[in-house]
Structure formats: C-alpha cells, structure tokens
C-alpha atoms as a PDB file:
ATOM      1  CA  MET A   1     -54.165  28.772 -23.031  1.00  0.00           C
ATOM      2  CA  LYS A   2     -51.992  26.567 -20.841  1.00  0.00           C
ATOM      3  CA  LEU A   3     -50.748  27.990 -17.525  1.00  0.00           C
ATOM      4  CA  GLN A   4     -47.190  27.076 -16.700  1.00  0.00           C
ATOM      5  CA  GLY A   5     -46.848  27.269 -12.896  1.00  0.00           C
ATOM      6  CA  ASN A   6     -43.125  27.877 -12.544  1.00  0.00           C
ATOM      7  CA  LYS A   7     -43.017  30.451 -15.336  1.00  0.00           C
ATOM      8  CA  LEU A   8     -46.029  32.254 -13.902  1.00  0.00           C
ATOM      9  CA  LEU A   9     -44.495  32.357 -10.420  1.00  0.00           C
ATOM     10  CA  GLN A  10     -41.148  33.554 -11.804  1.00  0.00           C
ATOM     11  CA  ALA A  11     -42.883  36.288 -13.803  1.00  0.00           C
ATOM     12  CA  LEU A  12     -44.823  37.509 -10.772  1.00  0.00           C
ATOM     13  CA  ILE A  13     -41.702  37.489  -8.575  1.00  0.00           C
ATOM     14  CA  THR A  14     -39.826  39.436 -11.273  1.00  0.00           C
ATOM     15  CA  ILE A  15     -42.582  42.071 -11.410  1.00  0.00           C
ATOM     16  CA  VAL A  16     -42.596  42.375  -7.602  1.00  0.00           C
ATOM     17  CA  LEU A  17     -38.797  42.650  -7.552  1.00  0.00           C
ATOM     18  CA  GLY A  18     -38.953  45.428 -10.153  1.00  0.00           C
ATOM     19  CA  ALA A  19     -41.546  47.272  -8.082  1.00  0.00           C
ATOM     20  CA  LEU A  20     -39.391  46.935  -4.954  1.00  0.00           C
ATOM     21  CA  LEU A  21     -36.399  48.350  -6.837  1.00  0.00           C
ATOM     22  CA  ILE A  22     -38.493  51.362  -7.816  1.00  0.00           C
ATOM     23  CA  ILE A  23     -39.941  51.838  -4.316  1.00  0.00           C
ATOM     24  CA  TRP A  24     -36.845  51.192  -2.194  1.00  0.00           C
ATOM     25  CA  LYS A  25     -34.191  52.274  -4.710  1.00  0.00           C
ATOM     26  CA  THR A  26     -30.749  52.159  -3.051  1.00  0.00           C
ATOM     27  CA  GLY A  27     -32.382  50.811   0.104  1.00  0.00           C
ATOM     28  CA  VAL A  28     -32.555  47.464  -1.710  1.00  0.00           C
ATOM     29  CA  ILE A  29     -28.791  47.128  -1.228  1.00  0.00           C
ATOM     30  CA  SER A  30     -29.101  47.598   2.527  1.00  0.00           C
ATOM     31  CA  ILE A  31     -32.034  45.218   2.703  1.00  0.00           C
ATOM     32  CA  ALA A  32     -30.119  42.579   0.732  1.00  0.00           C
ATOM     33  CA  ILE A  33     -27.096  42.934   3.033  1.00  0.00           C
ATOM     34  CA  THR A  34     -29.376  42.683   6.087  1.00  0.00           C
ATOM     35  CA  VAL A  35     -31.098  39.562   4.739  1.00  0.00           C
ATOM     36  CA  PHE A  36     -27.702  38.017   3.964  1.00  0.00           C
ATOM     37  CA  GLY A  37     -26.537  38.866   7.511  1.00  0.00           C
ATOM     38  CA  VAL A  38     -29.607  37.242   9.051  1.00  0.00           C
ATOM     39  CA  TYR A  39     -29.040  34.203   6.817  1.00  0.00           C
ATOM     40  CA  LEU A  40     -25.464  33.865   8.100  1.00  0.00           C
ATOM     41  CA  ILE A  41     -26.613  34.191  11.723  1.00  0.00           C
ATOM     42  CA  VAL A  42     -29.278  31.512  11.238  1.00  0.00           C
ATOM     43  CA  MET A  43     -26.829  29.191   9.471  1.00  0.00           C
ATOM     44  CA  GLY A  44     -24.310  29.693  12.287  1.00  0.00           C
ATOM     45  CA  ILE A  45     -26.922  28.879  14.933  1.00  0.00           C
ATOM     46  CA  ILE A  46     -27.992  25.772  13.005  1.00  0.00           C
ATOM     47  CA  GLU A  47     -24.367  24.620  12.837  1.00  0.00           C
ATOM     48  CA  ILE A  48     -24.017  25.102  16.623  1.00  0.00           C
ATOM     49  CA  VAL A  49     -27.234  23.161  17.282  1.00  0.00           C
ATOM     50  CA  GLN A  50     -26.116  20.379  14.934  1.00  0.00           C
ATOM     51  CA  LYS A  51     -22.730  20.343  16.687  1.00  0.00           C
ATOM     52  CA  LYS A  52     -20.783  21.031  13.522  1.00  0.00           C
ATOM     53  CA  ASP A  53     -17.599  23.108  13.317  1.00  0.00           C
ATOM     54  CA  LEU A  54     -17.939  25.621  16.181  1.00  0.00           C
ATOM     55  CA  THR A  55     -15.304  28.005  14.786  1.00  0.00           C
ATOM     56  CA  THR A  56     -17.036  28.282  11.419  1.00  0.00           C
ATOM     57  CA  ALA A  57     -20.397  28.755  13.116  1.00  0.00           C
ATOM     58  CA  ILE A  58     -19.080  31.586  15.310  1.00  0.00           C
ATOM     59  CA  ILE A  59     -17.450  33.264  12.293  1.00  0.00           C
ATOM     60  CA  LYS A  60     -20.747  33.088  10.370  1.00  0.00           C
ATOM     61  CA  ILE A  61     -22.663  34.557  13.308  1.00  0.00           C
ATOM     62  CA  ALA A  62     -20.090  37.344  13.738  1.00  0.00           C
ATOM     63  CA  ILE A  63     -20.031  38.257  10.042  1.00  0.00           C
ATOM     64  CA  GLY A  64     -23.828  38.120   9.952  1.00  0.00           C
ATOM     65  CA  ALA A  65     -24.112  40.385  12.986  1.00  0.00           C
ATOM     66  CA  VAL A  66     -21.682  42.909  11.489  1.00  0.00           C
ATOM     67  CA  ALA A  67     -23.604  42.833   8.197  1.00  0.00           C
ATOM     68  CA  VAL A  68     -26.912  43.455   9.968  1.00  0.00           C
ATOM     69  CA  LEU A  69     -25.491  46.236  12.129  1.00  0.00           C
ATOM     70  CA  LEU A  70     -23.538  47.998   9.408  1.00  0.00           C
ATOM     71  CA  ALA A  71     -25.639  47.326   6.299  1.00  0.00           C
ATOM     72  CA  TRP A  72     -27.132  50.801   6.153  1.00  0.00           C
ATOM     73  CA  LEU A  73     -23.846  52.572   6.906  1.00  0.00           C
ATOM     74  CA  VAL A  74     -21.853  50.481   4.431  1.00  0.00           C
ATOM     75  CA  THR A  75     -24.316  51.273   1.651  1.00  0.00           C
ATOM     76  CA  GLN A  76     -24.009  55.012   2.218  1.00  0.00           C
ATOM     77  CA  VAL A  77     -20.214  54.821   2.309  1.00  0.00           C
ATOM     78  CA  ALA A  78     -20.151  52.713  -0.876  1.00  0.00           C
ATOM     79  CA  VAL A  79     -22.357  55.242  -2.691  1.00  0.00           C
ATOM     80  CA  ILE A  80     -20.078  58.112  -1.628  1.00  0.00           C
ATOM     81  CA  ILE A  81     -16.975  56.201  -2.733  1.00  0.00           C
ATOM     82  CA  LEU A  82     -18.622  55.471  -6.096  1.00  0.00           C
ATOM     83  CA  GLY A  83     -19.458  59.167  -6.518  1.00  0.00           C
ATOM     84  CA  VAL A  84     -15.893  60.208  -5.651  1.00  0.00           C
ATOM     85  CA  LEU A  85     -14.488  57.720  -8.181  1.00  0.00           C
ATOM     86  CA  ILE A  86     -16.791  59.058 -10.900  1.00  0.00           C
ATOM     87  CA  VAL A  87     -15.724  62.645 -10.113  1.00  0.00           C
ATOM     88  CA  LEU A  88     -12.044  61.680 -10.133  1.00  0.00           C
ATOM     89  CA  SER A  89     -12.464  59.919 -13.469  1.00  0.00           C
ATOM     90  CA  GLY A  90     -13.999  63.060 -14.967  1.00  0.00           C
ATOM     91  CA  VAL A  91     -11.285  65.296 -13.495  1.00  0.00           C
ATOM     92  CA  VAL A  92      -8.526  63.050 -14.887  1.00  0.00           C
ATOM     93  CA  GLN A  93     -10.165  63.169 -18.312  1.00  0.00           C
ATOM     94  CA  ILE A  94     -10.412  66.976 -18.137  1.00  0.00           C
ATOM     95  CA  LEU A  95      -6.744  67.224 -17.148  1.00  0.00           C
ATOM     96  CA  ASP A  96      -5.800  64.962 -20.073  1.00  0.00           C
ATOM     97  CA  ILE A  97      -7.726  67.207 -22.476  1.00  0.00           C
ATOM     98  CA  VAL A  98      -6.075  70.344 -21.103  1.00  0.00           C
ATOM     99  CA  LYS A  99      -2.642  68.694 -21.086  1.00  0.00           C
ATOM    100  CA  SER A 100      -2.939  67.449 -24.671  1.00  0.00           C
ATOM    101  CA  ASN A 101      -3.804  70.995 -25.806  1.00  0.00           C
ATOM    102  CA  LYS A 102      -5.432  69.623 -28.967  1.00  0.00           C
ATOM    103  CA  LYS A 103      -7.750  71.925 -30.848  1.00  0.00           C
ATOM    104  CA  ALA A 104     -10.944  70.453 -32.212  1.00  0.00           C
ATOM    105  CA  GLU A 105     -11.867  71.133 -35.818  1.00  0.00           C
ATOM    106  CA  ASN A 106     -15.196  72.725 -35.000  1.00  0.00           C
ATOM    107  CA  LEU A 107     -17.562  73.592 -32.153  1.00  0.00           C
ATOM    108  CA  VAL A 108     -19.446  70.287 -32.273  1.00  0.00           C
ATOM    109  CA  LYS A 109     -16.256  68.260 -31.864  1.00  0.00           C
ATOM    110  CA  THR A 110     -15.116  70.552 -29.041  1.00  0.00           C
ATOM    111  CA  ILE A 111     -18.404  69.949 -27.224  1.00  0.00           C
ATOM    112  CA  MET A 112     -18.082  66.202 -27.786  1.00  0.00           C
ATOM    113  CA  VAL A 113     -14.559  66.129 -26.355  1.00  0.00           C
ATOM    114  CA  TRP A 114     -15.552  68.002 -23.198  1.00  0.00           C
ATOM    115  CA  ALA A 115     -19.053  66.541 -22.696  1.00  0.00           C
ATOM    116  CA  VAL A 116     -18.173  63.156 -21.195  1.00  0.00           C
ATOM    117  CA  PRO A 117     -15.648  64.359 -18.602  1.00  0.00           C
ATOM    118  CA  VAL A 118     -17.774  67.314 -17.523  1.00  0.00           C
ATOM    119  CA  LEU A 119     -20.890  65.134 -17.292  1.00  0.00           C
ATOM    120  CA  SER A 120     -18.867  62.578 -15.299  1.00  0.00           C
ATOM    121  CA  VAL A 121     -17.947  65.228 -12.734  1.00  0.00           C
ATOM    122  CA  VAL A 122     -21.557  66.436 -12.530  1.00  0.00           C
ATOM    123  CA  ALA A 123     -22.916  62.875 -12.274  1.00  0.00           C
ATOM    124  CA  GLY A 124     -20.383  62.007  -9.568  1.00  0.00           C
ATOM    125  CA  LEU A 125     -21.339  65.074  -7.537  1.00  0.00           C
ATOM    126  CA  PHE A 126     -25.008  64.174  -8.001  1.00  0.00           C
ATOM    127  CA  VAL A 127     -24.324  60.660  -6.685  1.00  0.00           C
ATOM    128  CA  ILE A 128     -22.416  62.058  -3.678  1.00  0.00           C
ATOM    129  CA  PHE A 129     -24.767  64.885  -2.720  1.00  0.00           C
ATOM    130  CA  GLY A 130     -28.034  63.943  -4.373  1.00  0.00           C
ATOM    131  CA  ASN A 131     -29.982  60.847  -5.128  1.00  0.00           C
ATOM    132  CA  GLY A 132     -28.303  60.057  -8.442  1.00  0.00           C
ATOM    133  CA  LEU A 133     -28.071  56.377  -7.722  1.00  0.00           C
ATOM    134  CA  ASP A 134     -31.802  56.253  -6.950  1.00  0.00           C
ATOM    135  CA  TRP A 135     -32.569  57.042 -10.599  1.00  0.00           C
ATOM    136  CA  ALA A 136     -30.449  54.114 -11.720  1.00  0.00           C
ATOM    137  CA  PHE A 137     -32.496  51.810  -9.486  1.00  0.00           C
ATOM    138  CA  ILE A 138     -35.758  53.272 -10.803  1.00  0.00           C
ATOM    139  CA  VAL A 139     -34.683  52.674 -14.412  1.00  0.00           C
ATOM    140  CA  PHE A 140     -33.471  49.169 -13.555  1.00  0.00           C
ATOM    141  CA  GLY A 141     -36.748  48.493 -11.696  1.00  0.00           C
ATOM    142  CA  VAL A 142     -38.790  49.524 -14.736  1.00  0.00           C
ATOM    143  CA  LEU A 143     -36.685  47.245 -16.947  1.00  0.00           C
ATOM    144  CA  VAL A 144     -37.187  44.345 -14.517  1.00  0.00           C
ATOM    145  CA  ILE A 145     -40.965  44.944 -14.498  1.00  0.00           C
ATOM    146  CA  ILE A 146     -40.999  44.938 -18.313  1.00  0.00           C
ATOM    147  CA  GLU A 147     -39.069  41.642 -18.268  1.00  0.00           C
ATOM    148  CA  GLY A 148     -41.606  40.274 -15.768  1.00  0.00           C
ATOM    149  CA  ILE A 149     -44.547  41.341 -17.925  1.00  0.00           C
ATOM    150  CA  ILE A 150     -42.992  39.709 -20.982  1.00  0.00           C
ATOM    151  CA  SER A 151     -42.433  36.519 -18.963  1.00  0.00           C
ATOM    152  CA  LEU A 152     -46.006  36.684 -17.657  1.00  0.00           C
ATOM    153  CA  ILE A 153     -47.391  36.965 -21.180  1.00  0.00           C
ATOM    154  CA  ASP A 154     -45.202  34.025 -22.198  1.00  0.00           C
ATOM    155  CA  ALA A 155     -46.431  31.982 -19.201  1.00  0.00           C
ATOM    156  CA  LEU A 156     -50.068  32.681 -20.077  1.00  0.00           C
ATOM    157  CA  LYS A 157     -49.722  31.504 -23.699  1.00  0.00           C
END
C-alpha cells in the first residue's frame, strides 16, 4: 500500500467539506461570501501597503466590506427569490395545462401532467417558508462525502 500525499489530503478535505455542507447547509453560502469579502479586504489592504493602484484597492475593500456585512441578508433574499421563481414556474405550467384544455387518456396520464407543476408550486413554497434548500445541501453533502471516501480508498491503494 503506497500513500499518495496529495490524493490523501484532497480526499480528507472533500470529506470535511461534505460534512460542513451537511452541518451548515445554506449557511455555507453565507460563509463563502463572508470569506470572499474578507479576502477582498485583505487584498485591498495589501495593494495599499504595496502602493499599487489605490482606486482598485479601495474598490476591493468596499466590495469586501459590503460582502461581509450583507452576506447573511443576501443569502436569505436569494433563497426567497429562488422559491418565488419555482412557484411562478409551477403556476405558469398549471395555467398552460388549463388553457390547453387537453384531456388525458387515463387517470395515470392526468396525474403525470399535473404532478410536475403542482410539485413545483409546493417545492417553491417549501423553499420560501421552510428549509427546503437545506435538504438539497444535505443531499449534496452526502454525495461529496461519498466522493471523498472513494478518493480516500483510491489514495490508500
């Protein structure tokens, strides 16, 4: 068995990232925006210290500060907008079905025609008023952990 350092490190980081996605769920977005904001602030300060382009440095610091201050609010607004768009998509599909006035051949086909738009409306409302997006992050986190475990096994071969 030959340990491959980079592959092992990548596998462990992948597993940790998957666990963080499961634990923090949608909070990961806010954390990522905050980290990016801090990065911009630091880069702006470095550019000022190194006497590079002052305008660019100030813009980086300003954008970074806004990102840090608004990261949590922006995430919530983005989730609500996503939920509204999903609901609207479902409503438009329902209106198209009603407008077309087509009759399905049997009950199963009728259910199939109505299932997607109705589920879209329900899912959109769940995203807006519930924690629907959290489940997506949990599923994605589990998939990332599985990828990390596979990579870990590969690194340990």
